[in-house]
Amino acid sequence: MSKQTVELLEAFEALPDEERRVFTVEVLRRAVPYDSGPMEDEELARAADDLFAVLDAEESVRS
């Protein structure tokens, strides 16, 4: 990962939640269609675990 990418990610992490959401929408809207090919089961399971952890954290904040 390049130094510029690391700096962008660090700046992204420093944004308030709403700005991170807006930024993410814009990045995805502008991204070139990309086919990463088939994912391994381990990758899918890790992605699902990460997603559920984020959703659980958001739910905890709202409760």
C-alpha atoms as a PDB file:
ATOM      1  CA  MET A   1       0.000   0.000   0.000  1.00  0.00           C
ATOM      2  CA  SER A   2       1.406   3.374  -0.934  1.00  0.00           C
ATOM      3  CA  LYS A   3       2.105   6.173   1.540  1.00  0.00           C
ATOM      4  CA  GLN A   4      -0.620   8.258  -0.128  1.00  0.00           C
ATOM      5  CA  THR A   5      -3.176   5.494   0.342  1.00  0.00           C
ATOM      6  CA  VAL A   6      -2.257   5.117   4.013  1.00  0.00           C
ATOM      7  CA  GLU A   7      -2.624   8.896   4.477  1.00  0.00           C
ATOM      8  CA  LEU A   8      -6.032   8.880   2.781  1.00  0.00           C
ATOM      9  CA  LEU A   9      -7.225   6.036   4.984  1.00  0.00           C
ATOM     10  CA  GLU A  10      -5.997   7.801   8.118  1.00  0.00           C
ATOM     11  CA  ALA A  11      -7.769  11.005   7.057  1.00  0.00           C
ATOM     12  CA  PHE A  12     -10.928   9.008   6.352  1.00  0.00           C
ATOM     13  CA  GLU A  13     -10.809   7.424   9.818  1.00  0.00           C
ATOM     14  CA  ALA A  14     -10.573  10.901  11.377  1.00  0.00           C
ATOM     15  CA  LEU A  15     -13.824  12.072   9.738  1.00  0.00           C
ATOM     16  CA  PRO A  16     -17.105  12.215  11.651  1.00  0.00           C
ATOM     17  CA  ASP A  17     -19.423   9.280  10.906  1.00  0.00           C
ATOM     18  CA  GLU A  18     -21.739  11.222   8.581  1.00  0.00           C
ATOM     19  CA  GLU A  19     -18.814  12.550   6.522  1.00  0.00           C
ATOM     20  CA  ARG A  20     -17.377   9.036   6.278  1.00  0.00           C
ATOM     21  CA  ARG A  21     -20.728   7.824   4.928  1.00  0.00           C
ATOM     22  CA  VAL A  22     -20.884  10.634   2.344  1.00  0.00           C
ATOM     23  CA  PHE A  23     -17.267  10.050   1.324  1.00  0.00           C
ATOM     24  CA  THR A  24     -17.841   6.308   0.946  1.00  0.00           C
ATOM     25  CA  VAL A  25     -20.865   6.861  -1.275  1.00  0.00           C
ATOM     26  CA  GLU A  26     -18.850   9.209  -3.508  1.00  0.00           C
ATOM     27  CA  VAL A  27     -15.872   6.860  -3.779  1.00  0.00           C
ATOM     28  CA  LEU A  28     -18.104   3.926  -4.689  1.00  0.00           C
ATOM     29  CA  ARG A  29     -20.042   6.040  -7.186  1.00  0.00           C
ATOM     30  CA  ARG A  30     -16.807   7.033  -8.935  1.00  0.00           C
ATOM     31  CA  ALA A  31     -15.092   3.644  -8.782  1.00  0.00           C
ATOM     32  CA  VAL A  32     -14.448   1.856 -12.023  1.00  0.00           C
ATOM     33  CA  PRO A  33     -16.396  -1.405 -12.254  1.00  0.00           C
ATOM     34  CA  TYR A  34     -14.072  -4.065 -10.896  1.00  0.00           C
ATOM     35  CA  ASP A  35     -14.397  -7.820 -10.964  1.00  0.00           C
ATOM     36  CA  SER A  36     -12.174  -9.269  -8.287  1.00  0.00           C
ATOM     37  CA  GLY A  37     -13.052 -12.788  -9.333  1.00  0.00           C
ATOM     38  CA  PRO A  38     -14.434 -15.454  -7.039  1.00  0.00           C
ATOM     39  CA  MET A  39     -13.835 -15.044  -3.322  1.00  0.00           C
ATOM     40  CA  GLU A  40     -12.613 -17.816  -1.074  1.00  0.00           C
ATOM     41  CA  ASP A  41     -14.940 -19.023   1.681  1.00  0.00           C
ATOM     42  CA  GLU A  42     -12.522 -17.679   4.306  1.00  0.00           C
ATOM     43  CA  GLU A  43     -12.635 -14.200   2.741  1.00  0.00           C
ATOM     44  CA  LEU A  44     -16.436 -14.236   2.658  1.00  0.00           C
ATOM     45  CA  ALA A  45     -16.656 -15.380   6.273  1.00  0.00           C
ATOM     46  CA  ARG A  46     -14.209 -12.672   7.396  1.00  0.00           C
ATOM     47  CA  ALA A  47     -16.146  -9.996   5.492  1.00  0.00           C
ATOM     48  CA  ALA A  48     -19.420 -11.182   7.036  1.00  0.00           C
ATOM     49  CA  ASP A  49     -17.877 -11.162  10.530  1.00  0.00           C
ATOM     50  CA  ASP A  50     -16.575  -7.612   9.981  1.00  0.00           C
ATOM     51  CA  LEU A  51     -19.949  -6.420   8.697  1.00  0.00           C
ATOM     52  CA  PHE A  52     -21.856  -7.944  11.615  1.00  0.00           C
ATOM     53  CA  ALA A  53     -19.390  -6.384  14.086  1.00  0.00           C
ATOM     54  CA  VAL A  54     -19.998  -2.941  12.566  1.00  0.00           C
ATOM     55  CA  LEU A  55     -23.764  -3.441  12.605  1.00  0.00           C
ATOM     56  CA  ASP A  56     -23.677  -4.640  16.223  1.00  0.00           C
ATOM     57  CA  ALA A  57     -21.598  -1.611  17.230  1.00  0.00           C
ATOM     58  CA  GLU A  58     -24.027   0.755  15.492  1.00  0.00           C
ATOM     59  CA  GLU A  59     -26.981  -0.945  17.163  1.00  0.00           C
ATOM     60  CA  SER A  60     -25.299  -0.656  20.568  1.00  0.00           C
ATOM     61  CA  VAL A  61     -24.789   3.089  20.064  1.00  0.00           C
ATOM     62  CA  ARG A  62     -28.438   3.580  19.135  1.00  0.00           C
ATOM     63  CA  SER A  63     -29.757   1.585  22.128  1.00  0.00           C
END
